[in-house]
Amino acid sequence: MARHALVVPFILLFASPAFADASPVGVWARDSGATKVIVSRCGAVLCARIAHLLPTSHARVGDQVLYGMKQTGPLKWSGSAIDPEDGAHFTGEMTLSGDQLVISGCVLGGLICKRIIWSRAK
């Protein structure tokens, strides 16, 4: 009986989807399909660079679009971002939810807000 008490939590830890990809590090595709980015560690913070985009974008492959994303809670980071499709700069949050990475933020004191959903690229 005591062995089962140790084995069950161990199995649940590794079988749980919440723990499978609890890091945003990797390749993500924009919900519009126009852009892919690579999120990586940049020292103690996370950053992202463009890996693929359509030619109508304001950015280029290799441009950095997420800056200084510091972890502020479980599956949450805060920092700065640039929208590669329209070139807008904003401060905001990045939240990991399963296979989705949601980036949201506002400019002009909250007058204009944006939410971008990325899906983990396969």
PDB file of N, CA and C in Angstrom:
ATOM      1  N   MET A   1       0.833  -1.195   0.000  1.00  0.00           N
ATOM      2  CA  MET A   1       0.000   0.000   0.000  1.00  0.00           C
ATOM      3  C   MET A   1       0.872   1.251   0.000  1.00  0.00           C
ATOM      4  N   ALA A   2       1.935   1.257   0.803  1.00  0.00           N
ATOM      5  CA  ALA A   2       2.811   2.430   0.878  1.00  0.00           C
ATOM      6  C   ALA A   2       3.498   2.682  -0.464  1.00  0.00           C
ATOM      7  N   ARG A   3       3.834   1.606  -1.181  1.00  0.00           N
ATOM      8  CA  ARG A   3       4.466   1.770  -2.498  1.00  0.00           C
ATOM      9  C   ARG A   3       3.526   2.465  -3.469  1.00  0.00           C
ATOM     10  N   HIS A   4       2.234   2.140  -3.424  1.00  0.00           N
ATOM     11  CA  HIS A   4       1.253   2.764  -4.310  1.00  0.00           C
ATOM     12  C   HIS A   4       1.145   4.256  -4.047  1.00  0.00           C
ATOM     13  N   ALA A   5       1.283   4.647  -2.787  1.00  0.00           N
ATOM     14  CA  ALA A   5       1.199   6.066  -2.434  1.00  0.00           C
ATOM     15  C   ALA A   5       2.349   6.853  -3.062  1.00  0.00           C
ATOM     16  N   LEU A   6       3.474   6.227  -3.296  1.00  0.00           N
ATOM     17  CA  LEU A   6       4.612   6.888  -3.929  1.00  0.00           C
ATOM     18  C   LEU A   6       4.550   6.818  -5.444  1.00  0.00           C
ATOM     19  N   VAL A   7       4.035   5.731  -5.984  1.00  0.00           N
ATOM     20  CA  VAL A   7       4.023   5.517  -7.431  1.00  0.00           C
ATOM     21  C   VAL A   7       2.960   6.377  -8.122  1.00  0.00           C
ATOM     22  N   VAL A   8       1.782   6.491  -7.561  1.00  0.00           N
ATOM     23  CA  VAL A   8       0.690   7.213  -8.209  1.00  0.00           C
ATOM     24  C   VAL A   8       1.049   8.683  -8.443  1.00  0.00           C
ATOM     25  N   PRO A   9       1.543   9.444  -7.447  1.00  0.00           N
ATOM     26  CA  PRO A   9       1.915  10.832  -7.738  1.00  0.00           C
ATOM     27  C   PRO A   9       3.015  10.939  -8.791  1.00  0.00           C
ATOM     28  N   PHE A  10       3.950  10.005  -8.786  1.00  0.00           N
ATOM     29  CA  PHE A  10       5.029  10.010  -9.768  1.00  0.00           C
ATOM     30  C   PHE A  10       4.477   9.841 -11.181  1.00  0.00           C
ATOM     31  N   ILE A  11       3.543   8.920 -11.364  1.00  0.00           N
ATOM     32  CA  ILE A  11       2.926   8.684 -12.670  1.00  0.00           C
ATOM     33  C   ILE A  11       2.118   9.901 -13.100  1.00  0.00           C
ATOM     34  N   LEU A  12       1.344  10.485 -12.190  1.00  0.00           N
ATOM     35  CA  LEU A  12       0.537  11.652 -12.522  1.00  0.00           C
ATOM     36  C   LEU A  12       1.400  12.842 -12.925  1.00  0.00           C
ATOM     37  N   LEU A  13       2.533  12.995 -12.286  1.00  0.00           N
ATOM     38  CA  LEU A  13       3.428  14.103 -12.614  1.00  0.00           C
ATOM     39  C   LEU A  13       3.893  14.025 -14.056  1.00  0.00           C
ATOM     40  N   PHE A  14       4.269  12.864 -14.510  1.00  0.00           N
ATOM     41  CA  PHE A  14       4.790  12.727 -15.863  1.00  0.00           C
ATOM     42  C   PHE A  14       3.704  12.494 -16.912  1.00  0.00           C
ATOM     43  N   ALA A  15       2.523  12.117 -16.509  1.00  0.00           N
ATOM     44  CA  ALA A  15       1.442  11.896 -17.461  1.00  0.00           C
ATOM     45  C   ALA A  15       0.613  13.157 -17.684  1.00  0.00           C
ATOM     46  N   SER A  16       0.705  14.110 -16.801  1.00  0.00           N
ATOM     47  CA  SER A  16      -0.123  15.312 -16.877  1.00  0.00           C
ATOM     48  C   SER A  16       0.313  16.222 -18.012  1.00  0.00           C
ATOM     49  N   PRO A  17      -0.628  16.660 -18.883  1.00  0.00           N
ATOM     50  CA  PRO A  17      -0.279  17.557 -19.965  1.00  0.00           C
ATOM     51  C   PRO A  17       0.198  18.908 -19.458  1.00  0.00           C
ATOM     52  N   ALA A  18      -0.222  19.317 -18.280  1.00  0.00           N
ATOM     53  CA  ALA A  18       0.202  20.607 -17.740  1.00  0.00           C
ATOM     54  C   ALA A  18       1.706  20.630 -17.507  1.00  0.00           C
ATOM     55  N   PHE A  19       2.295  19.490 -17.180  1.00  0.00           N
ATOM     56  CA  PHE A  19       3.728  19.447 -16.937  1.00  0.00           C
ATOM     57  C   PHE A  19       4.520  19.090 -18.186  1.00  0.00           C
ATOM     58  N   ALA A  20       3.857  18.591 -19.210  1.00  0.00           N
ATOM     59  CA  ALA A  20       4.552  18.128 -20.408  1.00  0.00           C
ATOM     60  C   ALA A  20       5.277  19.269 -21.120  1.00  0.00           C
ATOM     61  N   ASP A  21       4.611  20.399 -21.315  1.00  0.00           N
ATOM     62  CA  ASP A  21       5.206  21.538 -22.001  1.00  0.00           C
ATOM     63  C   ASP A  21       5.000  22.791 -21.173  1.00  0.00           C
ATOM     64  N   ALA A  22       5.516  22.821 -19.949  1.00  0.00           N
ATOM     65  CA  ALA A  22       5.300  23.939 -19.041  1.00  0.00           C
ATOM     66  C   ALA A  22       6.245  25.095 -19.322  1.00  0.00           C
ATOM     67  N   SER A  23       6.901  25.090 -20.450  1.00  0.00           N
ATOM     68  CA  SER A  23       7.799  26.170 -20.838  1.00  0.00           C
ATOM     69  C   SER A  23       7.402  26.680 -22.218  1.00  0.00           C
ATOM     70  N   PRO A  24       7.445  27.991 -22.408  1.00  0.00           N
ATOM     71  CA  PRO A  24       7.131  28.520 -23.731  1.00  0.00           C
ATOM     72  C   PRO A  24       8.298  28.433 -24.710  1.00  0.00           C
ATOM     73  N   VAL A  25       9.431  27.895 -24.277  1.00  0.00           N
ATOM     74  CA  VAL A  25      10.586  27.771 -25.167  1.00  0.00           C
ATOM     75  C   VAL A  25      10.229  26.830 -26.308  1.00  0.00           C
ATOM     76  N   GLY A  26      10.444  27.274 -27.541  1.00  0.00           N
ATOM     77  CA  GLY A  26      10.127  26.463 -28.713  1.00  0.00           C
ATOM     78  C   GLY A  26       9.629  27.317 -29.857  1.00  0.00           C
ATOM     79  N   VAL A  27       9.039  26.673 -30.847  1.00  0.00           N
ATOM     80  CA  VAL A  27       8.554  27.359 -32.050  1.00  0.00           C
ATOM     81  C   VAL A  27       7.045  27.536 -31.942  1.00  0.00           C
ATOM     82  N   TRP A  28       6.568  28.757 -32.259  1.00  0.00           N
ATOM     83  CA  TRP A  28       5.155  29.111 -32.160  1.00  0.00           C
ATOM     84  C   TRP A  28       4.683  29.729 -33.460  1.00  0.00           C
ATOM     85  N   ALA A  29       3.440  29.418 -33.855  1.00  0.00           N
ATOM     86  CA  ALA A  29       2.845  29.961 -35.077  1.00  0.00           C
ATOM     87  C   ALA A  29       1.715  30.916 -34.701  1.00  0.00           C
ATOM     88  N   ARG A  30       1.678  32.064 -35.358  1.00  0.00           N
ATOM     89  CA  ARG A  30       0.641  33.077 -35.121  1.00  0.00           C
ATOM     90  C   ARG A  30      -0.718  32.541 -35.532  1.00  0.00           C
ATOM     91  N   ASP A  31      -1.770  32.956 -34.843  1.00  0.00           N
ATOM     92  CA  ASP A  31      -3.115  32.480 -35.162  1.00  0.00           C
ATOM     93  C   ASP A  31      -3.516  32.820 -36.595  1.00  0.00           C
ATOM     94  N   SER A  32      -2.969  33.893 -37.158  1.00  0.00           N
ATOM     95  CA  SER A  32      -3.266  34.267 -38.542  1.00  0.00           C
ATOM     96  C   SER A  32      -2.507  33.405 -39.546  1.00  0.00           C
ATOM     97  N   GLY A  33      -1.474  32.687 -39.067  1.00  0.00           N
ATOM     98  CA  GLY A  33      -0.657  31.865 -39.947  1.00  0.00           C
ATOM     99  C   GLY A  33       0.439  32.627 -40.663  1.00  0.00           C
ATOM    100  N   ALA A  34       0.531  33.937 -40.428  1.00  0.00           N
ATOM    101  CA  ALA A  34       1.496  34.767 -41.153  1.00  0.00           C
ATOM    102  C   ALA A  34       2.909  34.707 -40.586  1.00  0.00           C
ATOM    103  N   THR A  35       3.052  34.341 -39.320  1.00  0.00           N
ATOM    104  CA  THR A  35       4.357  34.441 -38.661  1.00  0.00           C
ATOM    105  C   THR A  35       4.629  33.233 -37.784  1.00  0.00           C
ATOM    106  N   LYS A  36       5.900  32.839 -37.700  1.00  0.00           N
ATOM    107  CA  LYS A  36       6.367  31.863 -36.715  1.00  0.00           C
ATOM    108  C   LYS A  36       7.524  32.506 -35.969  1.00  0.00           C
ATOM    109  N   VAL A  37       7.590  32.254 -34.649  1.00  0.00           N
ATOM    110  CA  VAL A  37       8.690  32.767 -33.839  1.00  0.00           C
ATOM    111  C   VAL A  37       9.325  31.624 -33.063  1.00  0.00           C
ATOM    112  N   ILE A  38      10.560  31.856 -32.656  1.00  0.00           N
ATOM    113  CA  ILE A  38      11.266  30.921 -31.788  1.00  0.00           C
ATOM    114  C   ILE A  38      11.475  31.623 -30.453  1.00  0.00           C
ATOM    115  N   VAL A  39      10.836  31.091 -29.400  1.00  0.00           N
ATOM    116  CA  VAL A  39      11.021  31.612 -28.050  1.00  0.00           C
ATOM    117  C   VAL A  39      12.204  30.864 -27.446  1.00  0.00           C
ATOM    118  N   SER A  40      13.136  31.616 -26.866  1.00  0.00           N
ATOM    119  CA  SER A  40      14.318  31.003 -26.274  1.00  0.00           C
ATOM    120  C   SER A  40      14.733  31.756 -25.011  1.00  0.00           C
ATOM    121  N   ARG A  41      15.652  31.173 -24.300  1.00  0.00           N
ATOM    122  CA  ARG A  41      16.198  31.830 -23.112  1.00  0.00           C
ATOM    123  C   ARG A  41      17.261  32.821 -23.558  1.00  0.00           C
ATOM    124  N   CYS A  42      17.192  34.005 -22.990  1.00  0.00           N
ATOM    125  CA  CYS A  42      18.186  35.062 -23.227  1.00  0.00           C
ATOM    126  C   CYS A  42      18.690  35.482 -21.864  1.00  0.00           C
ATOM    127  N   GLY A  43      19.639  34.728 -21.351  1.00  0.00           N
ATOM    128  CA  GLY A  43      20.094  34.959 -19.983  1.00  0.00           C
ATOM    129  C   GLY A  43      19.016  34.514 -19.007  1.00  0.00           C
ATOM    130  N   ALA A  44      18.627  35.415 -18.098  1.00  0.00           N
ATOM    131  CA  ALA A  44      17.632  35.098 -17.078  1.00  0.00           C
ATOM    132  C   ALA A  44      16.202  35.349 -17.547  1.00  0.00           C
ATOM    133  N   VAL A  45      16.021  35.829 -18.764  1.00  0.00           N
ATOM    134  CA  VAL A  45      14.690  36.153 -19.292  1.00  0.00           C
ATOM    135  C   VAL A  45      14.425  35.365 -20.567  1.00  0.00           C
ATOM    136  N   LEU A  46      13.213  35.499 -21.106  1.00  0.00           N
ATOM    137  CA  LEU A  46      12.870  34.879 -22.380  1.00  0.00           C
ATOM    138  C   LEU A  46      12.781  35.950 -23.457  1.00  0.00           C
ATOM    139  N   CYS A  47      13.078  35.563 -24.678  1.00  0.00           N
ATOM    140  CA  CYS A  47      12.943  36.457 -25.821  1.00  0.00           C
ATOM    141  C   CYS A  47      12.462  35.624 -27.003  1.00  0.00           C
ATOM    142  N   ALA A  48      12.116  36.297 -28.094  1.00  0.00           N
ATOM    143  CA  ALA A  48      11.666  35.567 -29.289  1.00  0.00           C
ATOM    144  C   ALA A  48      12.133  36.297 -30.527  1.00  0.00           C
ATOM    145  N   ARG A  49      12.494  35.516 -31.537  1.00  0.00           N
ATOM    146  CA  ARG A  49      12.900  36.036 -32.837  1.00  0.00           C
ATOM    147  C   ARG A  49      12.019  35.415 -33.915  1.00  0.00           C
ATOM    148  N   ILE A  50      11.838  36.165 -34.985  1.00  0.00           N
ATOM    149  CA  ILE A  50      11.018  35.685 -36.099  1.00  0.00           C
ATOM    150  C   ILE A  50      11.755  34.592 -36.853  1.00  0.00           C
ATOM    151  N   ALA A  51      11.061  33.475 -37.084  1.00  0.00           N
ATOM    152  CA  ALA A  51      11.620  32.362 -37.842  1.00  0.00           C
ATOM    153  C   ALA A  51      11.043  32.295 -39.258  1.00  0.00           C
ATOM    154  N   HIS A  52       9.812  32.812 -39.418  1.00  0.00           N
ATOM    155  CA  HIS A  52       9.131  32.772 -40.721  1.00  0.00           C
ATOM    156  C   HIS A  52       8.060  33.849 -40.716  1.00  0.00           C
ATOM    157  N   LEU A  53       7.866  34.532 -41.845  1.00  0.00           N
ATOM    158  CA  LEU A  53       6.776  35.484 -41.965  1.00  0.00           C
ATOM    159  C   LEU A  53       6.458  35.746 -43.413  1.00  0.00           C
ATOM    160  N   LEU A  54       5.253  36.227 -43.635  1.00  0.00           N
ATOM    161  CA  LEU A  54       4.833  36.580 -44.990  1.00  0.00           C
ATOM    162  C   LEU A  54       5.496  37.897 -45.392  1.00  0.00           C
ATOM    163  N   PRO A  55       5.737  38.118 -46.686  1.00  0.00           N
ATOM    164  CA  PRO A  55       6.440  39.318 -47.137  1.00  0.00           C
ATOM    165  C   PRO A  55       5.701  40.627 -46.863  1.00  0.00           C
ATOM    166  N   THR A  56       4.426  40.591 -46.531  1.00  0.00           N
ATOM    167  CA  THR A  56       3.678  41.824 -46.276  1.00  0.00           C
ATOM    168  C   THR A  56       3.905  42.368 -44.872  1.00  0.00           C
ATOM    169  N   SER A  57       4.696  41.697 -44.078  1.00  0.00           N
ATOM    170  CA  SER A  57       4.945  42.088 -42.703  1.00  0.00           C
ATOM    171  C   SER A  57       5.867  43.299 -42.622  1.00  0.00           C
ATOM    172  N   HIS A  58       5.875  43.964 -41.453  1.00  0.00           N
ATOM    173  CA  HIS A  58       6.761  45.094 -41.191  1.00  0.00           C
ATOM    174  C   HIS A  58       8.124  44.642 -40.664  1.00  0.00           C
ATOM    175  N   ALA A  59       8.331  43.365 -40.483  1.00  0.00           N
ATOM    176  CA  ALA A  59       9.553  42.836 -39.879  1.00  0.00           C
ATOM    177  C   ALA A  59      10.288  41.934 -40.869  1.00  0.00           C
ATOM    178  N   ARG A  60      11.424  41.392 -40.393  1.00  0.00           N
ATOM    179  CA  ARG A  60      12.213  40.457 -41.202  1.00  0.00           C
ATOM    180  C   ARG A  60      12.549  39.231 -40.368  1.00  0.00           C
ATOM    181  N   VAL A  61      12.839  38.133 -41.035  1.00  0.00           N
ATOM    182  CA  VAL A  61      13.287  36.927 -40.344  1.00  0.00           C
ATOM    183  C   VAL A  61      14.533  37.284 -39.541  1.00  0.00           C
ATOM    184  N   GLY A  62      14.558  36.861 -38.291  1.00  0.00           N
ATOM    185  CA  GLY A  62      15.672  37.142 -37.392  1.00  0.00           C
ATOM    186  C   GLY A  62      15.421  38.318 -36.464  1.00  0.00           C
ATOM    187  N   ASP A  63      14.439  39.176 -36.781  1.00  0.00           N
ATOM    188  CA  ASP A  63      14.121  40.301 -35.897  1.00  0.00           C
ATOM    189  C   ASP A  63      13.597  39.790 -34.561  1.00  0.00           C
ATOM    190  N   GLN A  64      13.999  40.457 -33.485  1.00  0.00           N
ATOM    191  CA  GLN A  64      13.497  40.107 -32.159  1.00  0.00           C
ATOM    192  C   GLN A  64      12.143  40.770 -31.948  1.00  0.00           C
ATOM    193  N   VAL A  65      11.169  39.998 -31.422  1.00  0.00           N
ATOM    194  CA  VAL A  65       9.824  40.530 -31.206  1.00  0.00           C
ATOM    195  C   VAL A  65       9.363  40.449 -29.750  1.00  0.00           C
ATOM    196  N   LEU A  66      10.015  39.653 -28.931  1.00  0.00           N
ATOM    197  CA  LEU A  66       9.743  39.624 -27.494  1.00  0.00           C
ATOM    198  C   LEU A  66      11.047  39.949 -26.773  1.00  0.00           C
ATOM    199  N   TYR A  67      10.960  40.836 -25.793  1.00  0.00           N
ATOM    200  CA  TYR A  67      12.135  41.302 -25.059  1.00  0.00           C
ATOM    201  C   TYR A  67      11.926  41.164 -23.558  1.00  0.00           C
ATOM    202  N   GLY A  68      12.954  40.709 -22.865  1.00  0.00           N
ATOM    203  CA  GLY A  68      12.972  40.748 -21.408  1.00  0.00           C
ATOM    204  C   GLY A  68      11.773  40.158 -20.706  1.00  0.00           C
ATOM    205  N   MET A  69      11.256  39.047 -21.190  1.00  0.00           N
ATOM    206  CA  MET A  69      10.097  38.416 -20.573  1.00  0.00           C
ATOM    207  C   MET A  69      10.530  37.716 -19.277  1.00  0.00           C
ATOM    208  N   LYS A  70      10.170  38.337 -18.147  1.00  0.00           N
ATOM    209  CA  LYS A  70      10.507  37.798 -16.826  1.00  0.00           C
ATOM    210  C   LYS A  70       9.305  37.051 -16.268  1.00  0.00           C
ATOM    211  N   GLN A  71       9.566  35.908 -15.654  1.00  0.00           N
ATOM    212  CA  GLN A  71       8.467  35.122 -15.095  1.00  0.00           C
ATOM    213  C   GLN A  71       7.887  35.862 -13.894  1.00  0.00           C
ATOM    214  N   THR A  72       6.561  36.049 -13.907  1.00  0.00           N
ATOM    215  CA  THR A  72       5.868  36.776 -12.848  1.00  0.00           C
ATOM    216  C   THR A  72       4.905  35.891 -12.075  1.00  0.00           C
ATOM    217  N   GLY A  73       4.751  34.662 -12.504  1.00  0.00           N
ATOM    218  CA  GLY A  73       3.861  33.708 -11.846  1.00  0.00           C
ATOM    219  C   GLY A  73       3.896  32.404 -12.595  1.00  0.00           C
ATOM    220  N   PRO A  74       3.109  31.431 -12.118  1.00  0.00           N
ATOM    221  CA  PRO A  74       3.074  30.156 -12.831  1.00  0.00           C
ATOM    222  C   PRO A  74       2.556  30.365 -14.260  1.00  0.00           C
ATOM    223  N   LEU A  75       3.364  30.018 -15.229  1.00  0.00           N
ATOM    224  CA  LEU A  75       3.021  30.087 -16.643  1.00  0.00           C
ATOM    225  C   LEU A  75       2.725  31.510 -17.126  1.00  0.00           C
ATOM    226  N   LYS A  76       3.308  32.540 -16.461  1.00  0.00           N
ATOM    227  CA  LYS A  76       3.126  33.949 -16.849  1.00  0.00           C
ATOM    228  C   LYS A  76       4.463  34.669 -16.864  1.00  0.00           C
ATOM    229  N   TRP A  77       4.627  35.532 -17.879  1.00  0.00           N
ATOM    230  CA  TRP A  77       5.826  36.337 -18.022  1.00  0.00           C
ATOM    231  C   TRP A  77       5.410  37.752 -18.420  1.00  0.00           C
ATOM    232  N   SER A  78       6.213  38.751 -18.053  1.00  0.00           N
ATOM    233  CA  SER A  78       5.950  40.135 -18.442  1.00  0.00           C
ATOM    234  C   SER A  78       7.194  40.712 -19.089  1.00  0.00           C
ATOM    235  N   GLY A  79       6.969  41.569 -20.082  1.00  0.00           N
ATOM    236  CA  GLY A  79       8.082  42.205 -20.777  1.00  0.00           C
ATOM    237  C   GLY A  79       7.570  43.108 -21.876  1.00  0.00           C
ATOM    238  N   SER A  80       8.342  43.234 -22.929  1.00  0.00           N
ATOM    239  CA  SER A  80       7.991  44.094 -24.065  1.00  0.00           C
ATOM    240  C   SER A  80       7.864  43.255 -25.324  1.00  0.00           C
ATOM    241  N   ALA A  81       7.065  43.775 -26.279  1.00  0.00           N
ATOM    242  CA  ALA A  81       6.839  43.035 -27.523  1.00  0.00           C
ATOM    243  C   ALA A  81       6.645  43.989 -28.691  1.00  0.00           C
ATOM    244  N   ILE A  82       6.884  43.464 -29.865  1.00  0.00           N
ATOM    245  CA  ILE A  82       6.592  44.156 -31.114  1.00  0.00           C
ATOM    246  C   ILE A  82       5.717  43.217 -31.937  1.00  0.00           C
ATOM    247  N   ASP A  83       4.607  43.722 -32.444  1.00  0.00           N
ATOM    248  CA  ASP A  83       3.760  42.917 -33.317  1.00  0.00           C
ATOM    249  C   ASP A  83       4.412  42.891 -34.694  1.00  0.00           C
ATOM    250  N   PRO A  84       4.885  41.722 -35.155  1.00  0.00           N
ATOM    251  CA  PRO A  84       5.586  41.666 -36.437  1.00  0.00           C
ATOM    252  C   PRO A  84       4.705  41.993 -37.637  1.00  0.00           C
ATOM    253  N   GLU A  85       3.396  41.903 -37.474  1.00  0.00           N
ATOM    254  CA  GLU A  85       2.512  42.157 -38.614  1.00  0.00           C
ATOM    255  C   GLU A  85       2.212  43.635 -38.821  1.00  0.00           C
ATOM    256  N   ASP A  86       2.227  44.427 -37.744  1.00  0.00           N
ATOM    257  CA  ASP A  86       1.956  45.863 -37.929  1.00  0.00           C
ATOM    258  C   ASP A  86       3.016  46.781 -37.323  1.00  0.00           C
ATOM    259  N   GLY A  87       4.026  46.209 -36.664  1.00  0.00           N
ATOM    260  CA  GLY A  87       5.120  47.005 -36.118  1.00  0.00           C
ATOM    261  C   GLY A  87       4.818  47.711 -34.813  1.00  0.00           C
ATOM    262  N   ALA A  88       3.644  47.481 -34.211  1.00  0.00           N
ATOM    263  CA  ALA A  88       3.283  48.139 -32.957  1.00  0.00           C
ATOM    264  C   ALA A  88       4.143  47.628 -31.797  1.00  0.00           C
ATOM    265  N   HIS A  89       4.624  48.556 -30.952  1.00  0.00           N
ATOM    266  CA  HIS A  89       5.407  48.236 -29.753  1.00  0.00           C
ATOM    267  C   HIS A  89       4.477  48.309 -28.550  1.00  0.00           C
ATOM    268  N   PHE A  90       4.581  47.346 -27.641  1.00  0.00           N
ATOM    269  CA  PHE A  90       3.766  47.396 -26.438  1.00  0.00           C
ATOM    270  C   PHE A  90       4.411  46.633 -25.297  1.00  0.00           C
ATOM    271  N   THR A  91       3.977  46.945 -24.085  1.00  0.00           N
ATOM    272  CA  THR A  91       4.395  46.243 -22.880  1.00  0.00           C
ATOM    273  C   THR A  91       3.246  45.337 -22.500  1.00  0.00           C
ATOM    274  N   GLY A  92       3.570  44.114 -22.119  1.00  0.00           N
ATOM    275  CA  GLY A  92       2.466  43.226 -21.811  1.00  0.00           C
ATOM    276  C   GLY A  92       2.872  41.938 -21.156  1.00  0.00           C
ATOM    277  N   GLU A  93       1.966  40.989 -21.230  1.00  0.00           N
ATOM    278  CA  GLU A  93       2.120  39.684 -20.606  1.00  0.00           C
ATOM    279  C   GLU A  93       2.100  38.569 -21.630  1.00  0.00           C
ATOM    280  N   MET A  94       2.755  37.491 -21.258  1.00  0.00           N
ATOM    281  CA  MET A  94       2.756  36.271 -22.048  1.00  0.00           C
ATOM    282  C   MET A  94       2.264  35.173 -21.102  1.00  0.00           C
ATOM    283  N   THR A  95       1.212  34.457 -21.507  1.00  0.00           N
ATOM    284  CA  THR A  95       0.632  33.402 -20.679  1.00  0.00           C
ATOM    285  C   THR A  95       0.602  32.103 -21.464  1.00  0.00           C
ATOM    286  N   LEU A  96       1.118  31.051 -20.870  1.00  0.00           N
ATOM    287  CA  LEU A  96       1.133  29.733 -21.502  1.00  0.00           C
ATOM    288  C   LEU A  96      -0.068  28.946 -21.008  1.00  0.00           C
ATOM    289  N   SER A  97      -0.845  28.429 -21.958  1.00  0.00           N
ATOM    290  CA  SER A  97      -2.025  27.638 -21.632  1.00  0.00           C
ATOM    291  C   SER A  97      -2.058  26.435 -22.572  1.00  0.00           C
ATOM    292  N   GLY A  98      -1.495  25.333 -22.122  1.00  0.00           N
ATOM    293  CA  GLY A  98      -1.427  24.139 -22.959  1.00  0.00           C
ATOM    294  C   GLY A  98      -0.571  24.392 -24.181  1.00  0.00           C
ATOM    295  N   ASP A  99      -1.150  24.225 -25.378  1.00  0.00           N
ATOM    296  CA  ASP A  99      -0.424  24.456 -26.620  1.00  0.00           C
ATOM    297  C   ASP A  99      -0.676  25.843 -27.188  1.00  0.00           C
ATOM    298  N   GLN A 100      -1.130  26.771 -26.340  1.00  0.00           N
ATOM    299  CA  GLN A 100      -1.341  28.150 -26.781  1.00  0.00           C
ATOM    300  C   GLN A 100      -0.513  29.098 -25.932  1.00  0.00           C
ATOM    301  N   LEU A 101       0.038  30.090 -26.594  1.00  0.00           N
ATOM    302  CA  LEU A 101       0.792  31.156 -25.949  1.00  0.00           C
ATOM    303  C   LEU A 101       0.045  32.446 -26.262  1.00  0.00           C
ATOM    304  N   VAL A 102      -0.481  33.086 -25.231  1.00  0.00           N
ATOM    305  CA  VAL A 102      -1.280  34.294 -25.417  1.00  0.00           C
ATOM    306  C   VAL A 102      -0.437  35.493 -25.002  1.00  0.00           C
ATOM    307  N   ILE A 103      -0.269  36.423 -25.921  1.00  0.00           N
ATOM    308  CA  ILE A 103       0.476  37.646 -25.649  1.00  0.00           C
ATOM    309  C   ILE A 103      -0.533  38.786 -25.678  1.00  0.00           C
ATOM    310  N   SER A 104      -0.586  39.533 -24.585  1.00  0.00           N
ATOM    311  CA  SER A 104      -1.541  40.632 -24.519  1.00  0.00           C
ATOM    312  C   SER A 104      -0.868  41.847 -23.910  1.00  0.00           C
ATOM    313  N   GLY A 105      -1.297  43.012 -24.362  1.00  0.00           N
ATOM    314  CA  GLY A 105      -0.736  44.239 -23.828  1.00  0.00           C
ATOM    315  C   GLY A 105      -1.451  45.450 -24.359  1.00  0.00           C
ATOM    316  N   CYS A 106      -1.099  46.598 -23.786  1.00  0.00           N
ATOM    317  CA  CYS A 106      -1.755  47.848 -24.141  1.00  0.00           C
ATOM    318  C   CYS A 106      -0.713  48.951 -24.337  1.00  0.00           C
ATOM    319  N   VAL A 107      -1.112  49.978 -25.072  1.00  0.00           N
ATOM    320  CA  VAL A 107      -0.321  51.191 -25.250  1.00  0.00           C
ATOM    321  C   VAL A 107      -1.221  52.383 -24.919  1.00  0.00           C
ATOM    322  N   LEU A 108      -0.613  53.536 -24.813  1.00  0.00           N
ATOM    323  CA  LEU A 108      -1.343  54.783 -24.542  1.00  0.00           C
ATOM    324  C   LEU A 108      -2.197  54.680 -23.280  1.00  0.00           C
ATOM    325  N   GLY A 109      -1.582  54.162 -22.207  1.00  0.00           N
ATOM    326  CA  GLY A 109      -2.281  54.071 -20.933  1.00  0.00           C
ATOM    327  C   GLY A 109      -3.493  53.168 -20.934  1.00  0.00           C
ATOM    328  N   GLY A 110      -3.494  52.168 -21.783  1.00  0.00           N
ATOM    329  CA  GLY A 110      -4.602  51.223 -21.844  1.00  0.00           C
ATOM    330  C   GLY A 110      -5.672  51.596 -22.853  1.00  0.00           C
ATOM    331  N   LEU A 111      -5.419  52.645 -23.628  1.00  0.00           N
ATOM    332  CA  LEU A 111      -6.394  53.088 -24.626  1.00  0.00           C
ATOM    333  C   LEU A 111      -6.520  52.093 -25.780  1.00  0.00           C
ATOM    334  N   ILE A 112      -5.381  51.542 -26.196  1.00  0.00           N
ATOM    335  CA  ILE A 112      -5.368  50.564 -27.286  1.00  0.00           C
ATOM    336  C   ILE A 112      -4.746  49.276 -26.750  1.00  0.00           C
ATOM    337  N   CYS A 113      -5.495  48.195 -26.795  1.00  0.00           N
ATOM    338  CA  CYS A 113      -5.017  46.903 -26.294  1.00  0.00           C
ATOM    339  C   CYS A 113      -5.079  45.862 -27.404  1.00  0.00           C
ATOM    340  N   LYS A 114      -4.224  44.871 -27.268  1.00  0.00           N
ATOM    341  CA  LYS A 114      -4.110  43.838 -28.298  1.00  0.00           C
ATOM    342  C   LYS A 114      -3.895  42.493 -27.616  1.00  0.00           C
ATOM    343  N   ARG A 115      -4.423  41.442 -28.223  1.00  0.00           N
ATOM    344  CA  ARG A 115      -4.241  40.069 -27.741  1.00  0.00           C
ATOM    345  C   ARG A 115      -3.916  39.218 -28.958  1.00  0.00           C
ATOM    346  N   ILE A 116      -2.769  38.527 -28.888  1.00  0.00           N
ATOM    347  CA  ILE A 116      -2.321  37.697 -29.993  1.00  0.00           C
ATOM    348  C   ILE A 116      -2.179  36.254 -29.477  1.00  0.00           C
ATOM    349  N   ILE A 117      -2.744  35.324 -30.216  1.00  0.00           N
ATOM    350  CA  ILE A 117      -2.671  33.904 -29.816  1.00  0.00           C
ATOM    351  C   ILE A 117      -1.724  33.172 -30.751  1.00  0.00           C
ATOM    352  N   TRP A 118      -0.781  32.455 -30.162  1.00  0.00           N
ATOM    353  CA  TRP A 118       0.181  31.644 -30.899  1.00  0.00           C
ATOM    354  C   TRP A 118      -0.084  30.198 -30.525  1.00  0.00           C
ATOM    355  N   SER A 119       0.127  29.283 -31.451  1.00  0.00           N
ATOM    356  CA  SER A 119      -0.009  27.852 -31.215  1.00  0.00           C
ATOM    357  C   SER A 119       1.341  27.197 -31.370  1.00  0.00           C
ATOM    358  N   ARG A 120       1.599  26.205 -30.528  1.00  0.00           N
ATOM    359  CA  ARG A 120       2.888  25.503 -30.611  1.00  0.00           C
ATOM    360  C   ARG A 120       2.996  24.849 -31.978  1.00  0.00           C
ATOM    361  N   ALA A 121       4.054  25.146 -32.701  1.00  0.00           N
ATOM    362  CA  ALA A 121       4.256  24.589 -34.052  1.00  0.00           C
ATOM    363  C   ALA A 121       4.683  23.129 -33.922  1.00  0.00           C
ATOM    364  N   LYS A 122       4.201  22.325 -34.818  1.00  0.00           N
ATOM    365  CA  LYS A 122       4.498  20.895 -34.788  1.00  0.00           C
ATOM    366  C   LYS A 122       5.639  20.568 -35.713  1.00  0.00           C
TER     367      LYS A 122
END
